[in-house]
Each structure stands twice: as structure tokens, then as C-alpha cells.
Amino acid sequence: MKKAISAGGIFVKKQNGKYYLLLLKYPRYGDLGLLKGHVEKSETLEQAALREIKEEAGLENVRIIKKIGQLTRLANEENGEQATKTIHIFLVHTDNFNHKPSEEEYDWFEYESAIKRMAFKEEAEFLKQHKSEILLETKAKVCDNKSVGMIIKRGKDILLIERKKPPFGFAPPAGHVDDKGSFANAAREEVKEEVGLNSGEIRLIAEGRKENHCRRECGTWHYWKIYQVEADGEIERSKIETKHVGWFSIDLIKSLALKTEKYLAGEISEKEWQQSPGIEPVWLEWFRKLTII
């Protein structure tokens, strides 16, 4: 039997205490389906998912949060031939649901009701099986739009982490201020949480607004304060937040910055970036401002 590969995305929003999915209306099947479609030649799964979302729901400026998984079901191709279709599903997000004209009908449907109305039982089972993971990623706090970043040095080398969660990339320890009381307190706590070091003297070296996105609701910009931090102790990275922690030379940071420039220019795919990223884009800006690179 012929095999086919598709990719698509799941949008989730919370309203009045309930979670809703953006789904296609299938007049020919009489029910609902995921936003998805065939992967074309030379496309990555991520590129195909974003293209299909644009074509079917008219949404642009969509970003992938993570891959949720994949499902397999039988499907009828346009020529009438039956195929085994593998569908790769990503959790996606946009800050602007400004739909442009599209090829399909779509709407928001309450999560549990949607499961019962899916046209294909495999898609219904996928939503049921992955519900906890999908909703966990959407239960993030509302962004306070305040961030701290900490430059920690050993000689001329700088301590960087590789982020495990979006936004992907290498960066100094950083985080939101949230309920930590002040920017300075947040700086100390984030250093401890992410790399396990104790902060001594801290000194403000830069501040300002950056139009960088985070995965939280309303997280489209942040007011940053960047600190130079004297820290001691043994490095103990957060296994939840980081893939890797290490001391990076200026030359290595410059090399990672070049990769970021290629990524921002569209020369590196989202999949390649997530597997082997450069400097987190907002830190490319800060490193330039601080004349580190």
C-alpha cells in the first residue's frame, strides 16, 4: 500500500475556564479535523505544517512550540488510491489571529466536545491521549513583560546555557521577574535555579525594551535589565530548563552568533535550529550592545 506523509498544527486557547482548539470543518465528512496537509518535496515537516496552516486557516507569523507526536491512519488520495498516512502534529502559536482568506472553513471548538466530533477516530484518540501534554504547554502564566539576564564570567569566558524549551538557543542565565520582588532579586534567583550558583556582587550594565517573544500569554515584548554577576559554587544545571551549561570563549560565541544570523535570514530551518541552535536571537542584540561580539 502506498505511504503518505502529512504535517499539521494544533492551536489552543483558554476562554471562560475552558480550552478550545482551532479545527477544520469537513463538509464532506460532516465533522471536524486537524489543520494539516501533505509534505511537499524539499519541505521539512515544520515548513509543511506552517504552510498548511497558512493555506487552510489564513494565519501567518505562526511559530512552532514543540512536536506533540504523530499518528497513522488510512486515507484516500486524490486519485482514489488508498494510502497509509503518517501525520506529524505540532503545537503552534501566534500572537495575532488575523485570518486572511483561506481554502477551508474553520472555527474554535471546546476540547472535549471536539474529541467527540472528530471525523477520524485516530485524530480523536490523538487529542485524547496527548491532552495533558497539549494543555500543560498552554497553561503558562501571563507574561509580566519583565526579564533579567546575567553575565557570569570566568576569565574571558562567559557562562551560557542551551535552552530546553522555547525560545531555543544558547544564552546566559535569564528569566522573568514574576513575583520575585525586584529585578535584582530575580537575577539572583534565576542564577540559582538555572545553573545552581550563588550570586555575590551584582552590577547593572544595561537595560531596555526588546521585542522578543516568550511562550507565555501576552509575551510579545520584555523590558530587560542585564547584570554582571560575581558567582561561586559548583555548577548544577536545571534539567528542566537546560540541555547544556558551559563556559564559552568569545570566539565560540561569535561562531554561534553567525549561525543565528543565518537562522534569522531563513537560511536555517526551524528543525535544524532546534537540533543545533546558535545564540538566542534576543541575546544576539544584547551581546552587540554590550560589545561582547
C-alpha atoms as a PDB file:
ATOM      1  CA  MET A   1       0.000   0.000   0.000  1.00  0.00           C
ATOM      2  CA  LYS A   2       1.165   3.495  -0.810  1.00  0.00           C
ATOM      3  CA  LYS A   3       2.550   5.599   2.055  1.00  0.00           C
ATOM      4  CA  ALA A   4       1.954   9.327   2.547  1.00  0.00           C
ATOM      5  CA  ILE A   5       3.322  11.896   4.988  1.00  0.00           C
ATOM      6  CA  SER A   6       1.456  14.928   6.300  1.00  0.00           C
ATOM      7  CA  ALA A   7       2.139  17.600   8.911  1.00  0.00           C
ATOM      8  CA  GLY A   8      -0.078  19.973  10.816  1.00  0.00           C
ATOM      9  CA  GLY A   9      -0.569  22.094  13.895  1.00  0.00           C
ATOM     10  CA  ILE A  10      -2.764  22.483  16.942  1.00  0.00           C
ATOM     11  CA  PHE A  11      -3.744  25.914  18.294  1.00  0.00           C
ATOM     12  CA  VAL A  12      -5.190  26.076  21.807  1.00  0.00           C
ATOM     13  CA  LYS A  13      -6.819  28.998  23.611  1.00  0.00           C
ATOM     14  CA  LYS A  14      -8.405  29.321  27.050  1.00  0.00           C
ATOM     15  CA  GLN A  15     -11.700  31.163  27.429  1.00  0.00           C
ATOM     16  CA  ASN A  16     -14.007  31.280  30.468  1.00  0.00           C
ATOM     17  CA  GLY A  17     -12.097  28.453  32.111  1.00  0.00           C
ATOM     18  CA  LYS A  18     -12.349  26.096  29.118  1.00  0.00           C
ATOM     19  CA  TYR A  19      -9.843  25.121  26.430  1.00  0.00           C
ATOM     20  CA  TYR A  20     -10.632  25.436  22.734  1.00  0.00           C
ATOM     21  CA  LEU A  21      -8.997  24.021  19.582  1.00  0.00           C
ATOM     22  CA  LEU A  22      -8.873  25.651  16.153  1.00  0.00           C
ATOM     23  CA  LEU A  23     -10.149  22.946  13.802  1.00  0.00           C
ATOM     24  CA  LEU A  24     -11.278  22.487  10.222  1.00  0.00           C
ATOM     25  CA  LYS A  25     -14.916  21.898   9.342  1.00  0.00           C
ATOM     26  CA  TYR A  26     -15.210  18.955   6.947  1.00  0.00           C
ATOM     27  CA  PRO A  27     -18.455  19.328   4.944  1.00  0.00           C
ATOM     28  CA  ARG A  28     -17.737  16.136   3.007  1.00  0.00           C
ATOM     29  CA  TYR A  29     -17.253  14.146   6.209  1.00  0.00           C
ATOM     30  CA  GLY A  30     -19.743  16.106   8.292  1.00  0.00           C
ATOM     31  CA  ASP A  31     -17.371  16.727  11.162  1.00  0.00           C
ATOM     32  CA  LEU A  32     -14.029  18.174  12.334  1.00  0.00           C
ATOM     33  CA  GLY A  33     -10.349  17.680  11.509  1.00  0.00           C
ATOM     34  CA  LEU A  34      -6.884  18.935  12.378  1.00  0.00           C
ATOM     35  CA  LEU A  35      -5.148  21.641  10.330  1.00  0.00           C
ATOM     36  CA  LYS A  36      -2.753  19.558   8.227  1.00  0.00           C
ATOM     37  CA  GLY A  37      -1.674  18.526   4.732  1.00  0.00           C
ATOM     38  CA  HIS A  38       0.853  16.748   2.551  1.00  0.00           C
ATOM     39  CA  VAL A  39       4.558  17.395   2.930  1.00  0.00           C
ATOM     40  CA  GLU A  40       5.885  18.559  -0.416  1.00  0.00           C
ATOM     41  CA  LYS A  41       9.261  17.712  -1.885  1.00  0.00           C
ATOM     42  CA  SER A  42      12.160  19.635  -0.322  1.00  0.00           C
ATOM     43  CA  GLU A  43       9.948  20.691   2.652  1.00  0.00           C
ATOM     44  CA  THR A  44      10.700  19.881   6.267  1.00  0.00           C
ATOM     45  CA  LEU A  45       7.829  18.713   8.468  1.00  0.00           C
ATOM     46  CA  GLU A  46       7.833  22.101  10.203  1.00  0.00           C
ATOM     47  CA  GLN A  47       7.702  24.029   6.929  1.00  0.00           C
ATOM     48  CA  ALA A  48       4.841  21.865   5.698  1.00  0.00           C
ATOM     49  CA  ALA A  49       2.869  22.356   8.923  1.00  0.00           C
ATOM     50  CA  LEU A  50       3.239  26.159   8.774  1.00  0.00           C
ATOM     51  CA  ARG A  51       2.361  26.277   5.061  1.00  0.00           C
ATOM     52  CA  GLU A  52      -0.766  24.186   5.571  1.00  0.00           C
ATOM     53  CA  ILE A  53      -1.865  26.385   8.469  1.00  0.00           C
ATOM     54  CA  LYS A  54      -1.486  29.434   6.237  1.00  0.00           C
ATOM     55  CA  GLU A  55      -3.392  27.817   3.369  1.00  0.00           C
ATOM     56  CA  GLU A  56      -6.195  26.314   5.445  1.00  0.00           C
ATOM     57  CA  ALA A  57      -6.711  28.946   8.144  1.00  0.00           C
ATOM     58  CA  GLY A  58      -5.092  32.056   6.643  1.00  0.00           C
ATOM     59  CA  LEU A  59      -2.702  32.505   9.570  1.00  0.00           C
ATOM     60  CA  GLU A  60       0.812  33.909   9.248  1.00  0.00           C
ATOM     61  CA  ASN A  61       3.563  34.651  11.773  1.00  0.00           C
ATOM     62  CA  VAL A  62       2.923  31.281  13.384  1.00  0.00           C
ATOM     63  CA  ARG A  63       5.658  29.690  15.448  1.00  0.00           C
ATOM     64  CA  ILE A  64       6.129  26.090  16.469  1.00  0.00           C
ATOM     65  CA  ILE A  65       6.291  25.438  20.201  1.00  0.00           C
ATOM     66  CA  LYS A  66       7.071  21.720  20.069  1.00  0.00           C
ATOM     67  CA  LYS A  67       6.230  18.489  18.296  1.00  0.00           C
ATOM     68  CA  ILE A  68       3.469  16.643  20.127  1.00  0.00           C
ATOM     69  CA  GLY A  69       3.684  13.359  18.233  1.00  0.00           C
ATOM     70  CA  GLN A  70       2.388  11.552  15.192  1.00  0.00           C
ATOM     71  CA  LEU A  71      -0.489   9.297  14.192  1.00  0.00           C
ATOM     72  CA  THR A  72      -1.116   6.869  11.356  1.00  0.00           C
ATOM     73  CA  ARG A  73      -4.400   6.188   9.586  1.00  0.00           C
ATOM     74  CA  LEU A  74      -5.751   5.080   6.218  1.00  0.00           C
ATOM     75  CA  ALA A  75      -6.557   7.841   3.744  1.00  0.00           C
ATOM     76  CA  ASN A  76      -7.927   8.117   0.213  1.00  0.00           C
ATOM     77  CA  GLU A  77      -5.619  10.000  -2.143  1.00  0.00           C
ATOM     78  CA  GLU A  78      -6.936  12.375  -4.842  1.00  0.00           C
ATOM     79  CA  ASN A  79      -6.571   9.630  -7.474  1.00  0.00           C
ATOM     80  CA  GLY A  80      -8.768   7.343  -5.386  1.00  0.00           C
ATOM     81  CA  GLU A  81      -5.886   5.161  -4.265  1.00  0.00           C
ATOM     82  CA  GLN A  82      -5.808   4.205  -0.602  1.00  0.00           C
ATOM     83  CA  ALA A  83      -2.666   5.040   1.370  1.00  0.00           C
ATOM     84  CA  THR A  84      -1.251   4.660   4.848  1.00  0.00           C
ATOM     85  CA  LYS A  85      -0.833   8.257   6.035  1.00  0.00           C
ATOM     86  CA  THR A  86       1.506   9.330   8.835  1.00  0.00           C
ATOM     87  CA  ILE A  87       0.575  12.741  10.244  1.00  0.00           C
ATOM     88  CA  HIS A  88       3.131  14.699  12.312  1.00  0.00           C
ATOM     89  CA  ILE A  89       1.441  17.078  14.743  1.00  0.00           C
ATOM     90  CA  PHE A  90       2.993  20.232  16.230  1.00  0.00           C
ATOM     91  CA  LEU A  91       1.734  22.534  18.957  1.00  0.00           C
ATOM     92  CA  VAL A  92       1.749  26.025  17.419  1.00  0.00           C
ATOM     93  CA  HIS A  93       1.090  29.600  18.486  1.00  0.00           C
ATOM     94  CA  THR A  94       0.520  33.034  17.029  1.00  0.00           C
ATOM     95  CA  ASP A  95       0.086  36.398  18.705  1.00  0.00           C
ATOM     96  CA  ASN A  96      -2.360  37.589  16.053  1.00  0.00           C
ATOM     97  CA  PHE A  97      -5.352  35.551  14.895  1.00  0.00           C
ATOM     98  CA  ASN A  98      -5.909  37.857  11.938  1.00  0.00           C
ATOM     99  CA  HIS A  99      -7.172  35.308   9.411  1.00  0.00           C
ATOM    100  CA  LYS A 100      -6.557  36.025   5.745  1.00  0.00           C
ATOM    101  CA  PRO A 101      -8.682  34.396   3.000  1.00  0.00           C
ATOM    102  CA  SER A 102      -8.101  30.650   3.074  1.00  0.00           C
ATOM    103  CA  GLU A 103      -9.096  27.432   1.348  1.00  0.00           C
ATOM    104  CA  GLU A 104     -11.113  25.849   4.158  1.00  0.00           C
ATOM    105  CA  GLU A 105     -13.753  26.531   6.818  1.00  0.00           C
ATOM    106  CA  TYR A 106     -12.550  26.556  10.419  1.00  0.00           C
ATOM    107  CA  ASP A 107     -13.633  27.570  13.903  1.00  0.00           C
ATOM    108  CA  TRP A 108     -12.857  27.158  17.610  1.00  0.00           C
ATOM    109  CA  PHE A 109     -14.328  24.131  19.389  1.00  0.00           C
ATOM    110  CA  GLU A 110     -14.265  23.211  23.077  1.00  0.00           C
ATOM    111  CA  TYR A 111     -11.652  20.465  23.634  1.00  0.00           C
ATOM    112  CA  GLU A 112     -13.837  17.658  24.990  1.00  0.00           C
ATOM    113  CA  SER A 113     -16.646  18.354  22.531  1.00  0.00           C
ATOM    114  CA  ALA A 114     -14.147  18.417  19.679  1.00  0.00           C
ATOM    115  CA  ILE A 115     -12.828  14.952  20.544  1.00  0.00           C
ATOM    116  CA  LYS A 116     -16.351  13.548  20.111  1.00  0.00           C
ATOM    117  CA  ARG A 117     -16.792  15.307  16.774  1.00  0.00           C
ATOM    118  CA  MET A 118     -13.508  14.447  15.033  1.00  0.00           C
ATOM    119  CA  ALA A 119     -14.081  12.934  11.589  1.00  0.00           C
ATOM    120  CA  PHE A 120     -11.289  10.402  12.078  1.00  0.00           C
ATOM    121  CA  LYS A 121     -11.104   8.227  15.170  1.00  0.00           C
ATOM    122  CA  GLU A 122      -7.291   8.284  15.061  1.00  0.00           C
ATOM    123  CA  GLU A 123      -7.264  12.084  15.388  1.00  0.00           C
ATOM    124  CA  ALA A 124      -9.789  11.906  18.239  1.00  0.00           C
ATOM    125  CA  GLU A 125      -7.620   9.347  20.020  1.00  0.00           C
ATOM    126  CA  PHE A 126      -4.541  11.519  19.475  1.00  0.00           C
ATOM    127  CA  LEU A 127      -6.225  14.524  21.102  1.00  0.00           C
ATOM    128  CA  LYS A 128      -7.399  12.357  23.987  1.00  0.00           C
ATOM    129  CA  GLN A 129      -4.027  10.669  24.508  1.00  0.00           C
ATOM    130  CA  HIS A 130      -1.985  13.903  24.374  1.00  0.00           C
ATOM    131  CA  LYS A 131      -4.422  16.210  26.172  1.00  0.00           C
ATOM    132  CA  SER A 132      -2.309  16.641  29.307  1.00  0.00           C
ATOM    133  CA  GLU A 133       0.824  17.496  27.306  1.00  0.00           C
ATOM    134  CA  ILE A 134      -1.006  19.886  24.994  1.00  0.00           C
ATOM    135  CA  LEU A 135      -2.720  21.770  27.815  1.00  0.00           C
ATOM    136  CA  LEU A 136       0.387  21.831  30.016  1.00  0.00           C
ATOM    137  CA  GLU A 137       2.168  23.904  27.387  1.00  0.00           C
ATOM    138  CA  THR A 138      -0.755  26.352  27.224  1.00  0.00           C
ATOM    139  CA  LYS A 139      -1.158  26.864  30.978  1.00  0.00           C
ATOM    140  CA  ALA A 140       1.834  29.176  31.165  1.00  0.00           C
ATOM    141  CA  LYS A 141       1.458  32.321  33.228  1.00  0.00           C
ATOM    142  CA  VAL A 142       0.542  35.630  31.678  1.00  0.00           C
ATOM    143  CA  CYS A 143       3.824  37.341  30.878  1.00  0.00           C
ATOM    144  CA  ASP A 144       4.833  40.213  33.170  1.00  0.00           C
ATOM    145  CA  ASN A 145       6.994  41.630  30.332  1.00  0.00           C
ATOM    146  CA  LYS A 146       9.965  41.986  32.704  1.00  0.00           C
ATOM    147  CA  SER A 147      13.147  39.965  32.202  1.00  0.00           C
ATOM    148  CA  VAL A 148      16.607  39.725  33.709  1.00  0.00           C
ATOM    149  CA  GLY A 149      19.797  38.408  32.145  1.00  0.00           C
ATOM    150  CA  MET A 150      23.021  37.628  33.957  1.00  0.00           C
ATOM    151  CA  ILE A 151      26.545  37.782  32.559  1.00  0.00           C
ATOM    152  CA  ILE A 152      28.817  35.476  34.588  1.00  0.00           C
ATOM    153  CA  LYS A 153      32.477  35.325  33.603  1.00  0.00           C
ATOM    154  CA  ARG A 154      35.424  33.039  34.275  1.00  0.00           C
ATOM    155  CA  GLY A 155      38.390  34.950  32.942  1.00  0.00           C
ATOM    156  CA  LYS A 156      37.293  35.993  29.459  1.00  0.00           C
ATOM    157  CA  ASP A 157      34.843  33.091  29.062  1.00  0.00           C
ATOM    158  CA  ILE A 158      31.093  33.555  29.621  1.00  0.00           C
ATOM    159  CA  LEU A 159      28.677  31.060  31.147  1.00  0.00           C
ATOM    160  CA  LEU A 160      25.947  30.036  28.692  1.00  0.00           C
ATOM    161  CA  ILE A 161      23.101  27.578  28.827  1.00  0.00           C
ATOM    162  CA  GLU A 162      21.380  25.807  25.939  1.00  0.00           C
ATOM    163  CA  ARG A 163      17.664  26.162  26.469  1.00  0.00           C
ATOM    164  CA  LYS A 164      15.488  23.045  26.566  1.00  0.00           C
ATOM    165  CA  LYS A 165      12.270  24.995  25.942  1.00  0.00           C
ATOM    166  CA  PRO A 166      11.408  27.836  23.563  1.00  0.00           C
ATOM    167  CA  PRO A 167      12.898  30.253  22.772  1.00  0.00           C
ATOM    168  CA  PHE A 168      15.660  27.840  21.722  1.00  0.00           C
ATOM    169  CA  GLY A 169      19.303  28.863  21.629  1.00  0.00           C
ATOM    170  CA  PHE A 170      22.383  29.486  23.755  1.00  0.00           C
ATOM    171  CA  ALA A 171      22.112  32.322  26.266  1.00  0.00           C
ATOM    172  CA  PRO A 172      23.306  33.482  29.672  1.00  0.00           C
ATOM    173  CA  PRO A 173      21.031  32.555  32.602  1.00  0.00           C
ATOM    174  CA  ALA A 174      17.857  34.632  32.312  1.00  0.00           C
ATOM    175  CA  GLY A 175      14.209  34.690  33.271  1.00  0.00           C
ATOM    176  CA  HIS A 176      11.087  36.628  34.172  1.00  0.00           C
ATOM    177  CA  VAL A 177      10.836  38.798  37.258  1.00  0.00           C
ATOM    178  CA  ASP A 178       7.346  37.487  38.166  1.00  0.00           C
ATOM    179  CA  ASP A 179       6.801  37.512  41.934  1.00  0.00           C
ATOM    180  CA  LYS A 180      10.477  37.686  42.869  1.00  0.00           C
ATOM    181  CA  GLY A 181      10.120  41.224  44.225  1.00  0.00           C
ATOM    182  CA  SER A 182      12.665  43.140  42.161  1.00  0.00           C
ATOM    183  CA  PHE A 183      14.870  42.779  39.100  1.00  0.00           C
ATOM    184  CA  ALA A 184      17.932  42.262  41.309  1.00  0.00           C
ATOM    185  CA  ASN A 185      16.255  39.553  43.395  1.00  0.00           C
ATOM    186  CA  ALA A 186      15.024  37.850  40.239  1.00  0.00           C
ATOM    187  CA  ALA A 187      18.590  37.881  38.883  1.00  0.00           C
ATOM    188  CA  ARG A 188      19.929  36.090  41.963  1.00  0.00           C
ATOM    189  CA  GLU A 189      17.115  33.530  41.985  1.00  0.00           C
ATOM    190  CA  GLU A 190      17.407  32.737  38.266  1.00  0.00           C
ATOM    191  CA  VAL A 191      21.161  32.131  38.581  1.00  0.00           C
ATOM    192  CA  LYS A 192      20.470  29.659  41.379  1.00  0.00           C
ATOM    193  CA  GLU A 193      17.574  27.969  39.576  1.00  0.00           C
ATOM    194  CA  GLU A 194      19.209  27.571  36.171  1.00  0.00           C
ATOM    195  CA  VAL A 195      22.875  26.884  36.971  1.00  0.00           C
ATOM    196  CA  GLY A 196      22.993  26.270  40.730  1.00  0.00           C
ATOM    197  CA  LEU A 197      25.470  29.065  41.533  1.00  0.00           C
ATOM    198  CA  ASN A 198      25.363  31.515  44.431  1.00  0.00           C
ATOM    199  CA  SER A 199      25.341  35.185  43.449  1.00  0.00           C
ATOM    200  CA  GLY A 200      27.612  37.665  45.168  1.00  0.00           C
ATOM    201  CA  GLU A 201      28.037  41.200  43.888  1.00  0.00           C
ATOM    202  CA  ILE A 202      25.726  42.132  41.013  1.00  0.00           C
ATOM    203  CA  ARG A 203      26.015  45.237  38.868  1.00  0.00           C
ATOM    204  CA  LEU A 204      23.502  46.620  36.365  1.00  0.00           C
ATOM    205  CA  ILE A 205      25.246  47.027  32.996  1.00  0.00           C
ATOM    206  CA  ALA A 206      22.365  47.554  30.527  1.00  0.00           C
ATOM    207  CA  GLU A 207      18.606  47.825  30.308  1.00  0.00           C
ATOM    208  CA  GLY A 208      15.892  48.445  27.753  1.00  0.00           C
ATOM    209  CA  ARG A 209      12.900  47.084  25.891  1.00  0.00           C
ATOM    210  CA  LYS A 210      13.262  44.244  23.387  1.00  0.00           C
ATOM    211  CA  GLU A 211      10.572  42.923  21.054  1.00  0.00           C
ATOM    212  CA  ASN A 212      11.379  39.301  21.867  1.00  0.00           C
ATOM    213  CA  HIS A 213       8.671  36.674  22.282  1.00  0.00           C
ATOM    214  CA  CYS A 214       8.322  34.101  25.034  1.00  0.00           C
ATOM    215  CA  ARG A 215       5.923  31.173  25.250  1.00  0.00           C
ATOM    216  CA  ARG A 216       3.630  32.919  27.758  1.00  0.00           C
ATOM    217  CA  GLU A 217       0.365  34.673  27.004  1.00  0.00           C
ATOM    218  CA  CYS A 218       0.994  38.343  26.056  1.00  0.00           C
ATOM    219  CA  GLY A 219       4.734  37.647  25.907  1.00  0.00           C
ATOM    220  CA  THR A 220       5.460  39.695  22.783  1.00  0.00           C
ATOM    221  CA  TRP A 221       7.989  42.098  24.387  1.00  0.00           C
ATOM    222  CA  HIS A 222      10.094  42.440  27.543  1.00  0.00           C
ATOM    223  CA  TYR A 223      11.800  45.192  29.494  1.00  0.00           C
ATOM    224  CA  TRP A 224      15.228  43.780  30.301  1.00  0.00           C
ATOM    225  CA  LYS A 225      17.831  44.506  32.933  1.00  0.00           C
ATOM    226  CA  ILE A 226      21.214  42.914  32.326  1.00  0.00           C
ATOM    227  CA  TYR A 227      23.527  42.326  35.276  1.00  0.00           C
ATOM    228  CA  GLN A 228      27.195  41.436  35.635  1.00  0.00           C
ATOM    229  CA  VAL A 229      27.204  38.823  38.402  1.00  0.00           C
ATOM    230  CA  GLU A 230      30.009  37.511  40.577  1.00  0.00           C
ATOM    231  CA  ALA A 231      29.036  33.917  41.374  1.00  0.00           C
ATOM    232  CA  ASP A 232      30.572  30.963  43.152  1.00  0.00           C
ATOM    233  CA  GLY A 233      29.820  27.322  43.890  1.00  0.00           C
ATOM    234  CA  GLU A 234      29.553  24.236  41.723  1.00  0.00           C
ATOM    235  CA  ILE A 235      27.527  24.394  38.514  1.00  0.00           C
ATOM    236  CA  GLU A 236      24.378  22.307  38.787  1.00  0.00           C
ATOM    237  CA  ARG A 237      22.183  22.891  35.783  1.00  0.00           C
ATOM    238  CA  SER A 238      18.384  22.721  35.782  1.00  0.00           C
ATOM    239  CA  LYS A 239      17.448  19.551  33.922  1.00  0.00           C
ATOM    240  CA  ILE A 240      14.005  21.017  33.262  1.00  0.00           C
ATOM    241  CA  GLU A 241      15.188  24.282  31.682  1.00  0.00           C
ATOM    242  CA  THR A 242      18.568  23.418  30.120  1.00  0.00           C
ATOM    243  CA  LYS A 243      20.166  20.880  27.811  1.00  0.00           C
ATOM    244  CA  HIS A 244      23.708  22.009  28.474  1.00  0.00           C
ATOM    245  CA  VAL A 245      25.721  24.516  30.513  1.00  0.00           C
ATOM    246  CA  GLY A 246      29.301  25.551  29.880  1.00  0.00           C
ATOM    247  CA  TRP A 247      31.955  28.241  29.612  1.00  0.00           C
ATOM    248  CA  PHE A 248      32.153  29.746  26.136  1.00  0.00           C
ATOM    249  CA  SER A 249      35.013  31.728  24.659  1.00  0.00           C
ATOM    250  CA  ILE A 250      34.321  34.944  22.748  1.00  0.00           C
ATOM    251  CA  ASP A 251      35.360  33.231  19.507  1.00  0.00           C
ATOM    252  CA  LEU A 252      32.866  30.423  20.093  1.00  0.00           C
ATOM    253  CA  ILE A 253      30.128  32.935  20.915  1.00  0.00           C
ATOM    254  CA  LYS A 254      30.910  34.772  17.657  1.00  0.00           C
ATOM    255  CA  SER A 255      30.616  31.473  15.775  1.00  0.00           C
ATOM    256  CA  LEU A 256      27.209  30.789  17.338  1.00  0.00           C
ATOM    257  CA  ALA A 257      26.160  34.357  16.535  1.00  0.00           C
ATOM    258  CA  LEU A 258      26.868  33.748  12.834  1.00  0.00           C
ATOM    259  CA  LYS A 259      24.545  30.745  12.957  1.00  0.00           C
ATOM    260  CA  THR A 260      21.841  32.953  14.496  1.00  0.00           C
ATOM    261  CA  GLU A 261      22.234  35.468  11.675  1.00  0.00           C
ATOM    262  CA  LYS A 262      21.707  32.661   9.135  1.00  0.00           C
ATOM    263  CA  TYR A 263      18.655  31.430  11.040  1.00  0.00           C
ATOM    264  CA  LEU A 264      17.119  34.916  11.112  1.00  0.00           C
ATOM    265  CA  ALA A 265      17.797  35.222   7.376  1.00  0.00           C
ATOM    266  CA  GLY A 266      15.871  31.992   6.734  1.00  0.00           C
ATOM    267  CA  GLU A 267      18.951  30.005   5.744  1.00  0.00           C
ATOM    268  CA  ILE A 268      18.496  27.514   8.603  1.00  0.00           C
ATOM    269  CA  SER A 269      15.214  25.629   9.080  1.00  0.00           C
ATOM    270  CA  GLU A 270      13.311  25.570  12.357  1.00  0.00           C
ATOM    271  CA  LYS A 271      14.067  21.857  12.687  1.00  0.00           C
ATOM    272  CA  GLU A 272      17.799  22.397  12.175  1.00  0.00           C
ATOM    273  CA  TRP A 273      17.753  25.306  14.626  1.00  0.00           C
ATOM    274  CA  GLN A 274      16.068  23.314  17.365  1.00  0.00           C
ATOM    275  CA  GLN A 275      18.550  20.463  16.926  1.00  0.00           C
ATOM    276  CA  SER A 276      21.630  22.680  16.803  1.00  0.00           C
ATOM    277  CA  PRO A 277      20.904  26.346  17.606  1.00  0.00           C
ATOM    278  CA  GLY A 278      23.072  29.429  17.787  1.00  0.00           C
ATOM    279  CA  ILE A 279      22.802  32.336  20.188  1.00  0.00           C
ATOM    280  CA  GLU A 280      19.209  33.040  21.244  1.00  0.00           C
ATOM    281  CA  PRO A 281      18.162  35.947  18.971  1.00  0.00           C
ATOM    282  CA  VAL A 282      17.484  38.475  21.746  1.00  0.00           C
ATOM    283  CA  TRP A 283      20.960  37.796  23.143  1.00  0.00           C
ATOM    284  CA  LEU A 284      22.489  38.475  19.753  1.00  0.00           C
ATOM    285  CA  GLU A 285      21.160  42.010  20.254  1.00  0.00           C
ATOM    286  CA  TRP A 286      22.422  42.283  23.836  1.00  0.00           C
ATOM    287  CA  PHE A 287      25.874  40.893  23.054  1.00  0.00           C
ATOM    288  CA  ARG A 288      26.239  43.503  20.312  1.00  0.00           C
ATOM    289  CA  LYS A 289      25.044  46.292  22.577  1.00  0.00           C
ATOM    290  CA  LEU A 290      27.494  45.187  25.273  1.00  0.00           C
ATOM    291  CA  THR A 291      30.272  44.930  22.608  1.00  0.00           C
ATOM    292  CA  ILE A 292      30.893  41.309  23.573  1.00  0.00           C
ATOM    293  CA  ILE A 293      30.758  40.458  19.869  1.00  0.00           C
END
